[in-house]
Structure formats: structure tokens, C-alpha cells
């Protein structure tokens, strides 16, 4: 007889499938995705305007070889690769968590207004402190994302004891519009921040060094681990609020913790690389196609697929451009938009044929 623990473990729309087969398929997807991510990381170190043989890359990582190669690898490509990994993990996990909180298949970090809050925080930081480094305005991004998340959560709870998915989405869209307007006003009033904001707004893994990135890794890692710990509860939320509550899930606590996860992940990714579009949204759909809707597989798989997509787009932008690398935000838009449209068309045809 099925127990509440079984219900928490399996999402409602998963087809009947042998548990061993499902686990094997999920494990294979995770292993293959990890291998592809490793290959993309290697390509990120070796490829660019100047291709470097792998032997020279390894030597440069250990401080040996030609000085010019050590500068390219150590000062530029290694930092870009680490930034891509950190931001990719953050965007992938945030995309899954937002989808779980809102039960919305097209949810992304911009839906709840968190990205807009982080962007406003960065602009406030640029306005107040001018030429401070990424590490400085990272904390402004955290603050902006946190304030936005709290406001969305409070707005969605007006007149209710818990925040429903629909009210969360509507509150997030409304708040994002307001915060984006304030951001544009600040940029318009203070022209000194326009150049910095314009470069950051496009989305790029460049101009970030390891000193900027390493302090954020514990926060991203902690939030990612919390997302993994919430997977069973997310499976229950997919059954609906009433069923989840009947199974013993504390809806308010789970949504609060989910907001904490999204705030930290979006704040870190937005501060480091800017508001990069499509990554969190696209990888969730790819992961669902590969392993189904079990969040115990969706969350870790998305955290592997997102940095693969982000770094792959960055490498492609470096290889195809003659006059300088194309920012990764532009590349993800070019790659992500057609891929998402194709995925929607394919899903529609599959639904019509079933």
C-alpha cells in the first residue's frame, strides 16, 4: 500500500515505471551530463581567439610553460570558466525551484521579480560607490534580490495565510515592472553609471576574476544543497497545495525556504554575470524531457546542464567573433530562443498526437 513517503518521492504525472529502471535512466543522464560538462570546461580553457593545446593548458594551470599562455589561462580563461560554473549552477537550480514554487512550466528567475531586485541593487551600488569592484556590488545585488523576494512573498499573502502559485507569479511580474522602472530612472539620472550598467546588463563572464567569484561559492553551494534537500517537498507541491498539506508538508515554510534559495542564487548569478536570459528556463525543460518530473533528479541534472549551456555559449561566442568575444548574454539569447521555440513546437505536436 502506498505511503505518504512514497507520495513525497514520486510526482503525480510520472508514468508507471519500474523504480530500478527510472533510477538507472536518471543516473545515466547525470553521468553523461557530468562528462559533457567536463568536456565543455576543457574547451573553455583551450579554445578562444587563440587555441591552446591541452598539454600547454595543463602546464599553465600548474604554473609552468610560456608566460603568455599562463596569462591567458590563469588571468582570463580560468576565471571565466569558474564564473560560468558558479552562475550556471545558480541559474539551473533557481529555474527548477521557481518552477516548483509557482507550478508554472515557463517560470524563470525574472518571473518573481528577484532578478529585477538584484539589478536595482547593482545600479544602486554603482550609483553610490562608482568604480567599486564586483565584490562590492555583489552585496547590493543580494540585498536587492532579498528585498524583492520578501515584497513578492508579502504581496502574495495579502488576505491569505499562505502564498498561492498564481498570486506569487502575479505579484512578481508587477513588482518586476516597478523595479525595472526605478532602475532605468537611476541610470537616466546618473549618466556616470551608464557605461558600467550597459556592459553588465548584456550579460558577460568577462571582467570577473577569481577574487570576485570565490567568496560567493559558499553561498551558491549552500543554496544548491538546500534546493536538493527540498526535492521531496517539491514533489509533494506538484500534487497541489491541499494534497501536499495532507501529506504533512508545511507549505509556508517550504515556500519561504524556496524563496531563500532563489534569492541567494539569483543574487549571486546576477551580480557576477548580469541578468542572463533563457538558461534557467531552457535547461528545466531539457531535464524534464530526459528524466521526467521527479525533482530529486530534476534539480541535480539542471545544475549540470545549465553551466554546460552557459560555458558552451561563451566558448562559441569567443570562437566565432573576429573583433572580440560576443557576450554570453547575447549568445544565450541567440541559442536559447530558437531552442525554446523548437521545444514548445515539439511538445505541442507530441501533445496533439497523444
Protein backbone atom coordinates (compact mmCIF):
# COMPACT_ATOMS: atom_id res chain seq x y z
CA UNK A 1 0.00 0.00 0.00
CA UNK A 2 1.48 3.42 -0.94
CA UNK A 3 2.52 5.62 1.98
CA UNK A 4 2.86 9.39 2.32
CA UNK A 5 6.62 8.90 1.95
CA UNK A 6 6.02 7.31 -1.46
CA UNK A 7 3.85 10.23 -2.49
CA UNK A 8 6.54 12.68 -1.47
CA UNK A 9 9.06 10.78 -3.56
CA UNK A 10 7.20 10.48 -6.86
CA UNK A 11 5.50 13.29 -8.79
CA UNK A 12 1.89 12.87 -9.79
CA UNK A 13 2.41 12.93 -13.54
CA UNK A 14 5.15 10.31 -13.75
CA UNK A 15 4.06 7.27 -15.75
CA UNK A 16 4.19 3.88 -14.07
CA UNK A 17 7.77 2.76 -14.36
CA UNK A 18 9.97 0.30 -12.59
CA UNK A 19 11.91 2.10 -9.86
CA UNK A 20 15.17 0.45 -10.86
CA UNK A 21 14.75 1.48 -14.49
CA UNK A 22 13.89 5.05 -13.51
CA UNK A 23 16.92 5.24 -11.23
CA UNK A 24 19.19 3.80 -13.92
CA UNK A 25 17.92 6.26 -16.52
CA UNK A 26 18.35 9.17 -14.13
CA UNK A 27 21.82 8.03 -13.12
CA UNK A 28 22.87 7.66 -16.74
CA UNK A 29 21.60 11.16 -17.54
CA UNK A 30 23.55 12.60 -14.60
CA UNK A 31 26.77 10.79 -15.54
CA UNK A 32 26.57 11.76 -19.21
CA UNK A 33 25.75 15.36 -18.31
CA UNK A 34 28.71 15.50 -15.91
CA UNK A 35 31.02 14.16 -18.64
CA UNK A 36 29.73 16.71 -21.15
CA UNK A 37 30.19 19.50 -18.60
CA UNK A 38 33.79 18.41 -18.03
CA UNK A 39 34.43 18.44 -21.78
CA UNK A 40 32.95 21.93 -22.09
CA UNK A 41 35.14 23.15 -19.21
CA UNK A 42 38.19 21.81 -21.04
CA UNK A 43 37.05 23.57 -24.22
CA UNK A 44 36.55 26.79 -22.25
CA UNK A 45 40.20 26.66 -21.18
CA UNK A 46 41.62 25.64 -24.54
CA UNK A 47 39.53 27.48 -27.14
CA UNK A 48 39.17 31.14 -27.97
CA UNK A 49 40.76 33.75 -30.20
CA UNK A 50 43.94 31.72 -29.71
CA UNK A 51 43.60 27.94 -29.38
CA UNK A 52 45.98 26.37 -26.87
CA UNK A 53 46.98 22.67 -26.88
CA UNK A 54 45.83 20.70 -23.85
CA UNK A 55 49.39 19.98 -22.77
CA UNK A 56 50.09 23.71 -22.55
CA UNK A 57 46.80 24.27 -20.71
CA UNK A 58 47.70 21.70 -18.04
CA UNK A 59 51.21 23.15 -17.72
CA UNK A 60 49.81 26.67 -17.32
CA UNK A 61 47.40 25.52 -14.59
CA UNK A 62 50.42 24.29 -12.61
CA UNK A 63 52.39 27.49 -13.23
CA UNK A 64 54.65 26.11 -15.94
CA UNK A 65 55.09 26.80 -19.65
CA UNK A 66 55.23 30.06 -21.58
CA UNK A 67 54.33 33.23 -19.71
CA UNK A 68 51.88 34.37 -22.39
CA UNK A 69 49.98 31.08 -22.10
CA UNK A 70 49.97 31.31 -18.30
CA UNK A 71 48.47 34.80 -18.53
CA UNK A 72 45.75 33.70 -20.97
CA UNK A 73 44.81 30.64 -18.92
CA UNK A 74 45.35 31.92 -15.38
CA UNK A 75 44.17 35.51 -15.72
CA UNK A 76 41.39 35.12 -18.27
CA UNK A 77 40.04 31.71 -19.20
CA UNK A 78 40.20 30.04 -15.79
CA UNK A 79 38.23 32.85 -14.17
CA UNK A 80 35.66 32.82 -16.99
CA UNK A 81 35.25 29.08 -16.59
CA UNK A 82 34.77 29.30 -12.82
CA UNK A 83 32.30 32.18 -13.21
CA UNK A 84 30.39 30.14 -15.80
CA UNK A 85 30.26 27.12 -13.48
CA UNK A 86 29.07 29.14 -10.48
CA UNK A 87 26.49 31.13 -12.44
CA UNK A 88 25.31 28.06 -14.32
CA UNK A 89 24.71 26.04 -11.16
CA UNK A 90 22.89 29.02 -9.65
CA UNK A 91 20.67 29.64 -12.69
CA UNK A 92 19.88 25.96 -13.18
CA UNK A 93 18.87 25.38 -9.57
CA UNK A 94 16.94 28.66 -9.39
CA UNK A 95 14.96 27.80 -12.52
CA UNK A 96 13.83 24.46 -11.08
CA UNK A 97 12.96 25.92 -7.67
CA UNK A 98 10.92 28.75 -9.18
CA UNK A 99 9.02 26.25 -11.30
CA UNK A 100 8.30 24.17 -8.20
CA UNK A 101 7.12 27.17 -6.17
CA UNK A 102 4.81 28.53 -8.85
CA UNK A 103 3.89 25.23 -10.56
CA UNK A 104 4.48 27.18 -13.76
CA UNK A 105 6.34 25.42 -16.61
CA UNK A 106 7.53 28.74 -18.07
CA UNK A 107 8.72 30.24 -14.80
CA UNK A 108 12.18 31.76 -14.71
CA UNK A 109 14.14 33.95 -12.25
CA UNK A 110 12.60 37.06 -13.77
CA UNK A 111 9.05 35.91 -13.03
CA UNK A 112 9.21 36.53 -9.27
CA UNK A 113 10.95 39.89 -9.59
CA UNK A 114 14.14 38.63 -7.96
CA UNK A 115 16.33 39.42 -10.98
CA UNK A 116 14.84 42.91 -11.17
CA UNK A 117 15.59 43.41 -7.47
CA UNK A 118 19.18 42.24 -7.92
CA UNK A 119 19.60 44.53 -10.94
CA UNK A 120 18.29 47.51 -8.97
CA UNK A 121 20.69 46.66 -6.15
CA UNK A 122 23.63 46.63 -8.57
CA UNK A 123 22.64 50.01 -10.03
CA UNK A 124 22.28 51.48 -6.53
CA UNK A 125 25.75 50.13 -5.74
CA UNK A 126 27.19 51.66 -8.91
CA UNK A 127 25.48 54.96 -8.15
CA UNK A 128 26.65 55.13 -4.54
CA UNK A 129 30.19 53.83 -4.89
CA UNK A 130 31.03 54.38 -8.55
CA UNK A 131 34.00 52.27 -9.55
CA UNK A 132 33.91 49.58 -6.89
CA UNK A 133 34.59 46.04 -8.00
CA UNK A 134 32.21 43.15 -8.46
CA UNK A 135 32.72 42.00 -4.87
CA UNK A 136 31.40 45.33 -3.63
CA UNK A 137 28.16 45.45 -5.55
CA UNK A 138 27.52 41.74 -5.10
CA UNK A 139 26.18 42.55 -1.66
CA UNK A 140 23.93 45.22 -3.15
CA UNK A 141 22.61 42.54 -5.51
CA UNK A 142 21.92 40.20 -2.58
CA UNK A 143 20.11 42.98 -0.74
CA UNK A 144 18.03 43.91 -3.79
CA UNK A 145 17.12 40.30 -4.51
CA UNK A 146 16.24 39.72 -0.85
CA UNK A 147 14.03 42.79 -0.59
CA UNK A 148 12.28 41.88 -3.84
CA UNK A 149 11.67 38.31 -2.65
CA UNK A 150 10.24 39.49 0.68
CA UNK A 151 7.96 42.03 -1.03
CA UNK A 152 6.67 39.46 -3.52
CA UNK A 153 6.04 36.97 -0.74
CA UNK A 154 4.20 39.53 1.41
CA UNK A 155 2.14 40.83 -1.52
CA UNK A 156 1.07 37.32 -2.46
CA UNK A 157 -0.08 36.63 1.12
CA UNK A 158 -2.38 39.64 1.46
CA UNK A 159 -5.67 38.31 2.80
CA UNK A 160 -4.39 34.71 2.89
CA UNK A 161 -2.41 32.51 5.26
CA UNK A 162 -0.17 31.11 2.50
CA UNK A 163 1.11 32.35 -0.85
CA UNK A 164 -0.54 30.63 -3.82
CA UNK A 165 1.44 29.99 -7.03
CA UNK A 166 -0.77 32.31 -9.10
CA UNK A 167 -0.51 35.17 -6.62
CA UNK A 168 3.26 34.66 -6.40
CA UNK A 169 3.59 34.96 -10.18
CA UNK A 170 1.30 38.00 -10.48
CA UNK A 171 2.99 39.78 -7.58
CA UNK A 172 6.41 39.03 -9.07
CA UNK A 173 5.51 40.37 -12.52
CA UNK A 174 4.03 43.56 -11.06
CA UNK A 175 6.98 44.19 -8.76
CA UNK A 176 9.50 43.44 -11.52
CA UNK A 177 7.90 46.15 -13.69
CA UNK A 178 8.16 48.70 -10.88
CA UNK A 179 11.76 47.81 -10.00
CA UNK A 180 12.83 47.89 -13.65
CA UNK A 181 11.33 51.37 -13.96
CA UNK A 182 13.26 52.57 -10.91
CA UNK A 183 16.46 51.06 -12.32
CA UNK A 184 16.03 52.87 -15.63
CA UNK A 185 15.33 56.12 -13.78
CA UNK A 186 18.55 55.85 -11.78
CA UNK A 187 20.57 55.14 -14.91
CA UNK A 188 18.94 58.09 -16.67
CA UNK A 189 19.61 60.49 -13.78
CA UNK A 190 23.24 59.44 -13.21
CA UNK A 191 24.99 59.09 -16.56
CA UNK A 192 28.25 58.07 -14.86
CA UNK A 193 26.88 54.58 -14.26
CA UNK A 194 25.51 54.15 -17.79
CA UNK A 195 28.60 52.53 -19.33
CA UNK A 196 29.12 50.09 -16.44
CA UNK A 197 25.42 49.24 -16.35
CA UNK A 198 25.21 48.80 -20.12
CA UNK A 199 28.11 46.31 -20.17
CA UNK A 200 26.80 44.44 -17.11
CA UNK A 201 23.20 44.43 -18.42
CA UNK A 202 24.16 42.49 -21.57
CA UNK A 203 25.49 39.57 -19.53
CA UNK A 204 29.12 38.50 -19.67
CA UNK A 205 31.57 36.15 -17.97
CA UNK A 206 34.47 38.51 -18.69
CA UNK A 207 35.96 41.17 -16.37
CA UNK A 208 35.45 38.87 -13.37
CA UNK A 209 38.44 37.42 -11.57
CA UNK A 210 38.68 34.65 -9.01
CA UNK A 211 38.88 37.16 -6.15
CA UNK A 212 35.36 38.27 -7.09
CA UNK A 213 34.00 34.76 -7.57
CA UNK A 214 35.48 32.61 -4.80
CA UNK A 215 33.75 34.46 -1.90
CA UNK A 216 30.37 33.68 -3.49
CA UNK A 217 30.92 29.94 -3.91
CA UNK A 218 29.93 29.02 -0.30
CA UNK A 219 26.64 30.90 -0.68
CA UNK A 220 25.81 29.27 -4.02
CA UNK A 221 26.86 25.85 -2.71
CA UNK A 222 24.75 26.24 0.44
CA UNK A 223 21.68 27.33 -1.52
CA UNK A 224 22.15 24.49 -4.02
CA UNK A 225 22.37 21.94 -1.19
CA UNK A 226 19.21 23.40 0.35
CA UNK A 227 17.46 23.03 -3.01
CA UNK A 228 18.47 19.36 -3.08
CA UNK A 229 17.16 18.90 0.46
CA UNK A 230 13.76 20.32 -0.57
CA UNK A 231 13.24 17.95 -3.51
CA UNK A 232 10.79 15.65 -1.72
CA UNK A 233 8.71 18.63 -0.64
CA UNK A 234 8.72 19.97 -4.21
CA UNK A 235 7.37 16.62 -5.41
CA UNK A 236 4.54 17.00 -2.92
CA UNK A 237 3.85 20.59 -4.03
CA UNK A 238 3.40 19.31 -7.58
CA UNK A 239 0.34 17.40 -6.33
CA UNK A 240 -1.37 20.64 -5.26
CA UNK A 241 -1.49 22.58 -2.01
CA UNK A 242 -4.25 20.54 -0.38
CA UNK A 243 -2.63 17.20 -1.10
CA UNK A 244 0.80 18.47 -0.03
CA UNK A 245 -0.63 19.76 3.24
CA UNK A 246 -2.41 16.44 3.82
CA UNK A 247 0.95 14.71 3.35
CA UNK A 248 2.40 16.81 6.15
CA UNK A 249 4.23 19.45 4.12
CA UNK A 250 4.47 22.86 5.77
CA UNK A 251 3.56 25.00 2.76
CA UNK A 252 4.61 28.31 4.28
CA UNK A 253 7.99 27.01 5.41
CA UNK A 254 8.78 25.28 2.11
CA UNK A 255 7.89 28.36 0.07
CA UNK A 256 9.91 30.57 2.41
CA UNK A 257 12.95 28.31 2.11
CA UNK A 258 12.45 28.17 -1.65
CA UNK A 259 12.47 31.96 -1.76
CA UNK A 260 15.71 31.99 0.24
CA UNK A 261 17.26 29.61 -2.29
CA UNK A 262 16.12 31.70 -5.27
CA UNK A 263 17.25 34.95 -3.63
CA UNK A 264 20.78 33.72 -2.95
CA UNK A 265 21.22 32.00 -6.31
CA UNK A 266 19.79 34.81 -8.43
CA UNK A 267 21.62 37.47 -6.44
CA UNK A 268 24.97 35.75 -6.93
CA UNK A 269 24.46 34.96 -10.63
CA UNK A 270 23.09 38.41 -11.47
CA UNK A 271 25.91 40.22 -9.68
CA UNK A 272 28.61 38.15 -11.37
CA UNK A 273 27.34 37.88 -14.92
CA UNK A 274 24.31 40.14 -15.28
CA UNK A 275 20.71 39.08 -15.97
CA UNK A 276 21.33 36.24 -18.44
CA UNK A 277 18.14 35.04 -20.11
CA UNK A 278 16.81 31.61 -21.13
CA UNK A 279 19.35 29.46 -19.25
CA UNK A 280 17.22 28.56 -16.22
CA UNK A 281 14.09 28.23 -18.33
CA UNK A 282 15.56 26.09 -21.11
CA UNK A 283 17.51 23.59 -19.02
CA UNK A 284 14.46 22.75 -16.90
CA UNK A 285 12.56 21.64 -20.00
CA UNK A 286 15.54 19.65 -21.27
CA UNK A 287 15.93 17.98 -17.88
CA UNK A 288 12.22 17.12 -17.74
CA UNK A 289 12.47 15.51 -21.17
CA UNK A 290 15.43 13.41 -20.00
CA UNK A 291 14.34 12.28 -16.52
CA UNK A 292 10.68 13.22 -16.07
CA UNK A 293 9.27 15.45 -13.35
CA UNK A 294 10.87 13.95 -10.23
CA UNK A 295 12.62 16.86 -8.53
CA UNK A 296 15.18 14.53 -6.96
CA UNK A 297 16.57 14.12 -10.48
CA UNK A 298 15.50 17.46 -11.97
CA UNK A 299 17.45 19.62 -9.52
CA UNK A 300 20.89 17.96 -9.83
CA UNK A 301 20.51 17.46 -13.59
CA UNK A 302 19.63 21.13 -14.11
CA UNK A 303 22.68 22.11 -12.06
CA UNK A 304 24.80 20.17 -14.57
CA UNK A 305 23.02 21.24 -17.76
CA UNK A 306 22.92 24.98 -17.02
CA UNK A 307 26.70 25.53 -16.69
CA UNK A 308 27.17 23.33 -19.77
CA UNK A 309 24.87 25.61 -21.77
CA UNK A 310 26.38 28.79 -20.33
CA UNK A 311 30.01 27.81 -20.90
CA UNK A 312 29.20 26.34 -24.31
CA UNK A 313 27.61 29.63 -25.37
CA UNK A 314 30.61 31.55 -24.03
CA UNK A 315 33.08 29.37 -25.94
CA UNK A 316 31.02 29.72 -29.12
CA UNK A 317 30.97 33.50 -28.68
CA UNK A 318 34.75 33.55 -28.39
CA UNK A 319 35.37 31.30 -31.39
CA UNK A 320 33.03 32.86 -33.96
CA UNK A 321 33.91 36.53 -33.34
CA UNK A 322 36.83 38.21 -35.09
CA UNK A 323 36.64 41.61 -33.42
CA UNK A 324 36.31 40.33 -29.85
CA UNK A 325 34.18 37.82 -27.93
CA UNK A 326 30.41 38.07 -28.15
CA UNK A 327 28.95 38.49 -24.62
CA UNK A 328 27.45 35.29 -23.28
CA UNK A 329 24.11 37.02 -22.67
CA UNK A 330 23.80 37.67 -26.40
CA UNK A 331 24.81 34.10 -27.24
CA UNK A 332 22.33 32.52 -24.82
CA UNK A 333 19.57 34.65 -26.35
CA UNK A 334 20.53 33.58 -29.89
CA UNK A 335 20.85 29.91 -28.89
CA UNK A 336 18.15 29.74 -26.24
CA UNK A 337 15.29 31.45 -28.05
CA UNK A 338 15.21 29.15 -31.12
CA UNK A 339 15.82 26.10 -28.93
CA UNK A 340 12.93 27.06 -26.66
CA UNK A 341 10.62 27.68 -29.63
CA UNK A 342 11.58 24.30 -31.10
CA UNK A 343 10.93 22.65 -27.74
CA UNK A 344 7.49 24.27 -27.50
CA UNK A 345 6.58 23.18 -31.05
CA UNK A 346 7.78 19.64 -30.36
CA UNK A 347 5.85 19.47 -27.08
CA UNK A 348 2.69 20.75 -28.80
CA UNK A 349 2.95 18.13 -31.55
CA UNK A 350 3.57 15.37 -29.02
CA UNK A 351 0.57 16.53 -27.01
CA UNK A 352 -1.63 16.62 -30.11
CA UNK A 353 -0.53 13.15 -31.12
CA UNK A 354 -1.10 11.56 -27.73
